Amino acid sequence: MLDLVLVSVRRVLGDRRGISAIEYGVLGAVVVVAVAALSTQVDGVFDKVFSTITAKVPT
């Protein structure tokens, strides 16, 4: 019985697929937060650039 438990524990600890999925999930969350934080700061810059371009394009 103890051998069965040890084999199961070794199998669970040896499986790294779940850890990789968690790492990718955390990385994705960090990217989303960074993009959201930067988008508020960059929004004003884009508005100014597009306004300048629009003002200089002849109609």
PDB file of N, CA and C in Angstrom:
ATOM      1  N   MET A   1       0.823  -1.194   0.000  1.00  0.00           N
ATOM      2  CA  MET A   1       0.000   0.000   0.000  1.00  0.00           C
ATOM      3  C   MET A   1       0.868   1.260   0.000  1.00  0.00           C
ATOM      4  N   LEU A   2       1.898   1.274   0.800  1.00  0.00           N
ATOM      5  CA  LEU A   2       2.797   2.418   0.866  1.00  0.00           C
ATOM      6  C   LEU A   2       3.505   2.607  -0.471  1.00  0.00           C
ATOM      7  N   ASP A   3       3.831   1.500  -1.139  1.00  0.00           N
ATOM      8  CA  ASP A   3       4.475   1.601  -2.451  1.00  0.00           C
ATOM      9  C   ASP A   3       3.561   2.287  -3.458  1.00  0.00           C
ATOM     10  N   LEU A   4       2.290   1.978  -3.417  1.00  0.00           N
ATOM     11  CA  LEU A   4       1.326   2.600  -4.322  1.00  0.00           C
ATOM     12  C   LEU A   4       1.247   4.109  -4.086  1.00  0.00           C
ATOM     13  N   VAL A   5       1.249   4.526  -2.836  1.00  0.00           N
ATOM     14  CA  VAL A   5       1.206   5.947  -2.496  1.00  0.00           C
ATOM     15  C   VAL A   5       2.478   6.636  -2.975  1.00  0.00           C
ATOM     16  N   LEU A   6       3.627   6.016  -2.738  1.00  0.00           N
ATOM     17  CA  LEU A   6       4.891   6.614  -3.170  1.00  0.00           C
ATOM     18  C   LEU A   6       4.968   6.737  -4.685  1.00  0.00           C
ATOM     19  N   VAL A   7       4.497   5.733  -5.392  1.00  0.00           N
ATOM     20  CA  VAL A   7       4.488   5.793  -6.854  1.00  0.00           C
ATOM     21  C   VAL A   7       3.577   6.917  -7.330  1.00  0.00           C
ATOM     22  N   SER A   8       2.435   7.066  -6.711  1.00  0.00           N
ATOM     23  CA  SER A   8       1.502   8.132  -7.090  1.00  0.00           C
ATOM     24  C   SER A   8       2.092   9.512  -6.815  1.00  0.00           C
ATOM     25  N   VAL A   9       2.739   9.667  -5.678  1.00  0.00           N
ATOM     26  CA  VAL A   9       3.348  10.954  -5.328  1.00  0.00           C
ATOM     27  C   VAL A   9       4.478  11.280  -6.300  1.00  0.00           C
ATOM     28  N   ARG A  10       5.302  10.310  -6.617  1.00  0.00           N
ATOM     29  CA  ARG A  10       6.393  10.538  -7.577  1.00  0.00           C
ATOM     30  C   ARG A  10       5.849  10.915  -8.945  1.00  0.00           C
ATOM     31  N   ARG A  11       4.776  10.286  -9.339  1.00  0.00           N
ATOM     32  CA  ARG A  11       4.178  10.581 -10.641  1.00  0.00           C
ATOM     33  C   ARG A  11       3.635  12.014 -10.678  1.00  0.00           C
ATOM     34  N   VAL A  12       2.971  12.433  -9.612  1.00  0.00           N
ATOM     35  CA  VAL A  12       2.417  13.787  -9.556  1.00  0.00           C
ATOM     36  C   VAL A  12       3.543  14.820  -9.518  1.00  0.00           C
ATOM     37  N   LEU A  13       4.564  14.579  -8.725  1.00  0.00           N
ATOM     38  CA  LEU A  13       5.668  15.527  -8.616  1.00  0.00           C
ATOM     39  C   LEU A  13       6.517  15.556  -9.880  1.00  0.00           C
ATOM     40  N   GLY A  14       6.551  14.480 -10.610  1.00  0.00           N
ATOM     41  CA  GLY A  14       7.348  14.409 -11.831  1.00  0.00           C
ATOM     42  C   GLY A  14       6.660  15.017 -13.037  1.00  0.00           C
ATOM     43  N   ASP A  15       5.354  15.222 -12.953  1.00  0.00           N
ATOM     44  CA  ASP A  15       4.603  15.781 -14.080  1.00  0.00           C
ATOM     45  C   ASP A  15       4.734  17.296 -14.062  1.00  0.00           C
ATOM     46  N   ARG A  16       5.411  17.865 -15.047  1.00  0.00           N
ATOM     47  CA  ARG A  16       5.660  19.302 -15.096  1.00  0.00           C
ATOM     48  C   ARG A  16       4.714  20.038 -16.033  1.00  0.00           C
ATOM     49  N   ARG A  17       3.786  19.352 -16.679  1.00  0.00           N
ATOM     50  CA  ARG A  17       2.882  20.014 -17.624  1.00  0.00           C
ATOM     51  C   ARG A  17       1.985  21.019 -16.935  1.00  0.00           C
ATOM     52  N   GLY A  18       1.504  20.688 -15.759  1.00  0.00           N
ATOM     53  CA  GLY A  18       0.635  21.599 -15.029  1.00  0.00           C
ATOM     54  C   GLY A  18       1.362  22.861 -14.602  1.00  0.00           C
ATOM     55  N   ILE A  19       2.608  22.711 -14.217  1.00  0.00           N
ATOM     56  CA  ILE A  19       3.401  23.864 -13.803  1.00  0.00           C
ATOM     57  C   ILE A  19       3.620  24.796 -14.988  1.00  0.00           C
ATOM     58  N   SER A  20       3.899  24.252 -16.149  1.00  0.00           N
ATOM     59  CA  SER A  20       4.099  25.085 -17.332  1.00  0.00           C
ATOM     60  C   SER A  20       2.825  25.858 -17.663  1.00  0.00           C
ATOM     61  N   ALA A  21       1.695  25.217 -17.551  1.00  0.00           N
ATOM     62  CA  ALA A  21       0.431  25.890 -17.836  1.00  0.00           C
ATOM     63  C   ALA A  21       0.199  27.040 -16.860  1.00  0.00           C
ATOM     64  N   ILE A  22       0.527  26.834 -15.604  1.00  0.00           N
ATOM     65  CA  ILE A  22       0.371  27.898 -14.608  1.00  0.00           C
ATOM     66  C   ILE A  22       1.317  29.049 -14.915  1.00  0.00           C
ATOM     67  N   GLU A  23       2.548  28.735 -15.297  1.00  0.00           N
ATOM     68  CA  GLU A  23       3.512  29.790 -15.636  1.00  0.00           C
ATOM     69  C   GLU A  23       3.021  30.615 -16.823  1.00  0.00           C
ATOM     70  N   TYR A  24       2.501  29.953 -17.842  1.00  0.00           N
ATOM     71  CA  TYR A  24       1.970  30.680 -18.993  1.00  0.00           C
ATOM     72  C   TYR A  24       0.760  31.523 -18.607  1.00  0.00           C
ATOM     73  N   GLY A  25      -0.064  31.024 -17.725  1.00  0.00           N
ATOM     74  CA  GLY A  25      -1.211  31.793 -17.263  1.00  0.00           C
ATOM     75  C   GLY A  25      -0.794  33.046 -16.513  1.00  0.00           C
ATOM     76  N   VAL A  26       0.208  32.906 -15.638  1.00  0.00           N
ATOM     77  CA  VAL A  26       0.705  34.065 -14.892  1.00  0.00           C
ATOM     78  C   VAL A  26       1.348  35.066 -15.844  1.00  0.00           C
ATOM     79  N   LEU A  27       2.121  34.583 -16.802  1.00  0.00           N
ATOM     80  CA  LEU A  27       2.753  35.461 -17.782  1.00  0.00           C
ATOM     81  C   LEU A  27       1.702  36.212 -18.599  1.00  0.00           C
ATOM     82  N   GLY A  28       0.665  35.513 -19.018  1.00  0.00           N
ATOM     83  CA  GLY A  28      -0.420  36.153 -19.760  1.00  0.00           C
ATOM     84  C   GLY A  28      -1.109  37.222 -18.935  1.00  0.00           C
ATOM     85  N   ALA A  29      -1.329  36.956 -17.655  1.00  0.00           N
ATOM     86  CA  ALA A  29      -1.962  37.940 -16.783  1.00  0.00           C
ATOM     87  C   ALA A  29      -1.086  39.181 -16.618  1.00  0.00           C
ATOM     88  N   VAL A  30       0.219  38.985 -16.508  1.00  0.00           N
ATOM     89  CA  VAL A  30       1.147  40.117 -16.388  1.00  0.00           C
ATOM     90  C   VAL A  30       1.110  40.963 -17.658  1.00  0.00           C
ATOM     91  N   VAL A  31       1.072  40.323 -18.815  1.00  0.00           N
ATOM     92  CA  VAL A  31       1.016  41.057 -20.084  1.00  0.00           C
ATOM     93  C   VAL A  31      -0.281  41.866 -20.170  1.00  0.00           C
ATOM     94  N   VAL A  32      -1.392  41.276 -19.794  1.00  0.00           N
ATOM     95  CA  VAL A  32      -2.680  41.978 -19.846  1.00  0.00           C
ATOM     96  C   VAL A  32      -2.668  43.196 -18.925  1.00  0.00           C
ATOM     97  N   VAL A  33      -2.137  43.038 -17.727  1.00  0.00           N
ATOM     98  CA  VAL A  33      -2.074  44.165 -16.784  1.00  0.00           C
ATOM     99  C   VAL A  33      -1.155  45.260 -17.317  1.00  0.00           C
ATOM    100  N   ALA A  34      -0.017  44.878 -17.907  1.00  0.00           N
ATOM    101  CA  ALA A  34       0.913  45.867 -18.456  1.00  0.00           C
ATOM    102  C   ALA A  34       0.278  46.630 -19.616  1.00  0.00           C
ATOM    103  N   VAL A  35      -0.400  45.924 -20.500  1.00  0.00           N
ATOM    104  CA  VAL A  35      -1.058  46.585 -21.636  1.00  0.00           C
ATOM    105  C   VAL A  35      -2.159  47.517 -21.141  1.00  0.00           C
ATOM    106  N   ALA A  36      -2.916  47.088 -20.159  1.00  0.00           N
ATOM    107  CA  ALA A  36      -3.982  47.935 -19.618  1.00  0.00           C
ATOM    108  C   ALA A  36      -3.406  49.178 -18.955  1.00  0.00           C
ATOM    109  N   ALA A  37      -2.308  49.025 -18.231  1.00  0.00           N
ATOM    110  CA  ALA A  37      -1.698  50.173 -17.564  1.00  0.00           C
ATOM    111  C   ALA A  37      -1.117  51.150 -18.578  1.00  0.00           C
ATOM    112  N   LEU A  38      -0.480  50.634 -19.604  1.00  0.00           N
ATOM    113  CA  LEU A  38       0.133  51.504 -20.614  1.00  0.00           C
ATOM    114  C   LEU A  38      -0.901  52.138 -21.533  1.00  0.00           C
ATOM    115  N   SER A  39      -2.014  51.477 -21.739  1.00  0.00           N
ATOM    116  CA  SER A  39      -3.004  52.006 -22.680  1.00  0.00           C
ATOM    117  C   SER A  39      -3.593  53.321 -22.185  1.00  0.00           C
ATOM    118  N   THR A  40      -3.742  53.469 -20.889  1.00  0.00           N
ATOM    119  CA  THR A  40      -4.275  54.724 -20.370  1.00  0.00           C
ATOM    120  C   THR A  40      -3.270  55.862 -20.539  1.00  0.00           C
ATOM    121  N   GLN A  41      -2.004  55.559 -20.425  1.00  0.00           N
ATOM    122  CA  GLN A  41      -0.971  56.579 -20.583  1.00  0.00           C
ATOM    123  C   GLN A  41      -0.745  56.915 -22.052  1.00  0.00           C
ATOM    124  N   VAL A  42      -0.822  55.927 -22.897  1.00  0.00           N
ATOM    125  CA  VAL A  42      -0.532  56.117 -24.315  1.00  0.00           C
ATOM    126  C   VAL A  42      -1.736  56.701 -25.049  1.00  0.00           C
ATOM    127  N   ASP A  43      -2.902  56.583 -24.482  1.00  0.00           N
ATOM    128  CA  ASP A  43      -4.120  57.050 -25.140  1.00  0.00           C
ATOM    129  C   ASP A  43      -4.035  58.540 -25.473  1.00  0.00           C
ATOM    130  N   GLY A  44      -3.569  59.340 -24.547  1.00  0.00           N
ATOM    131  CA  GLY A  44      -3.441  60.772 -24.789  1.00  0.00           C
ATOM    132  C   GLY A  44      -2.435  61.085 -25.885  1.00  0.00           C
ATOM    133  N   VAL A  45      -1.366  60.304 -25.944  1.00  0.00           N
ATOM    134  CA  VAL A  45      -0.349  60.509 -26.983  1.00  0.00           C
ATOM    135  C   VAL A  45      -0.940  60.218 -28.353  1.00  0.00           C
ATOM    136  N   PHE A  46      -1.681  59.133 -28.477  1.00  0.00           N
ATOM    137  CA  PHE A  46      -2.291  58.792 -29.761  1.00  0.00           C
ATOM    138  C   PHE A  46      -3.307  59.850 -30.191  1.00  0.00           C
ATOM    139  N   ASP A  47      -4.092  60.340 -29.246  1.00  0.00           N
ATOM    140  CA  ASP A  47      -5.061  61.397 -29.575  1.00  0.00           C
ATOM    141  C   ASP A  47      -4.354  62.630 -30.129  1.00  0.00           C
ATOM    142  N   LYS A  48      -3.262  63.015 -29.496  1.00  0.00           N
ATOM    143  CA  LYS A  48      -2.518  64.198 -29.941  1.00  0.00           C
ATOM    144  C   LYS A  48      -1.910  63.977 -31.327  1.00  0.00           C
ATOM    145  N   VAL A  49      -1.324  62.804 -31.555  1.00  0.00           N
ATOM    146  CA  VAL A  49      -0.718  62.495 -32.853  1.00  0.00           C
ATOM    147  C   VAL A  49      -1.782  62.487 -33.947  1.00  0.00           C
ATOM    148  N   PHE A  50      -2.898  61.816 -33.726  1.00  0.00           N
ATOM    149  CA  PHE A  50      -3.941  61.745 -34.742  1.00  0.00           C
ATOM    150  C   PHE A  50      -4.579  63.114 -35.001  1.00  0.00           C
ATOM    151  N   SER A  51      -4.712  63.915 -33.949  1.00  0.00           N
ATOM    152  CA  SER A  51      -5.253  65.261 -34.137  1.00  0.00           C
ATOM    153  C   SER A  51      -4.312  66.101 -34.993  1.00  0.00           C
ATOM    154  N   THR A  52      -3.012  65.986 -34.740  1.00  0.00           N
ATOM    155  CA  THR A  52      -2.021  66.726 -35.523  1.00  0.00           C
ATOM    156  C   THR A  52      -2.035  66.284 -36.980  1.00  0.00           C
ATOM    157  N   ILE A  53      -2.096  64.988 -37.203  1.00  0.00           N
ATOM    158  CA  ILE A  53      -2.130  64.467 -38.574  1.00  0.00           C
ATOM    159  C   ILE A  53      -3.401  64.920 -39.283  1.00  0.00           C
ATOM    160  N   THR A  54      -4.519  64.830 -38.605  1.00  0.00           N
ATOM    161  CA  THR A  54      -5.791  65.220 -39.192  1.00  0.00           C
ATOM    162  C   THR A  54      -5.801  66.721 -39.540  1.00  0.00           C
ATOM    163  N   ALA A  55      -5.204  67.526 -38.685  1.00  0.00           N
ATOM    164  CA  ALA A  55      -5.168  68.959 -38.932  1.00  0.00           C
ATOM    165  C   ALA A  55      -4.283  69.314 -40.139  1.00  0.00           C
ATOM    166  N   LYS A  56      -3.269  68.498 -40.401  1.00  0.00           N
ATOM    167  CA  LYS A  56      -2.345  68.814 -41.492  1.00  0.00           C
ATOM    168  C   LYS A  56      -2.740  68.205 -42.837  1.00  0.00           C
ATOM    169  N   VAL A  57      -3.671  67.271 -42.827  1.00  0.00           N
ATOM    170  CA  VAL A  57      -4.111  66.648 -44.080  1.00  0.00           C
ATOM    171  C   VAL A  57      -5.147  67.561 -44.735  1.00  0.00           C
ATOM    172  N   PRO A  58      -4.905  67.922 -45.991  1.00  0.00           N
ATOM    173  CA  PRO A  58      -5.890  68.781 -46.664  1.00  0.00           C
ATOM    174  C   PRO A  58      -7.180  68.011 -46.933  1.00  0.00           C
ATOM    175  N   THR A  59      -8.277  68.712 -46.832  1.00  0.00           N
ATOM    176  CA  THR A  59      -9.577  68.068 -47.091  1.00  0.00           C
ATOM    177  C   THR A  59     -10.108  68.397 -48.449  1.00  0.00           C
TER     178      THR A  59
END
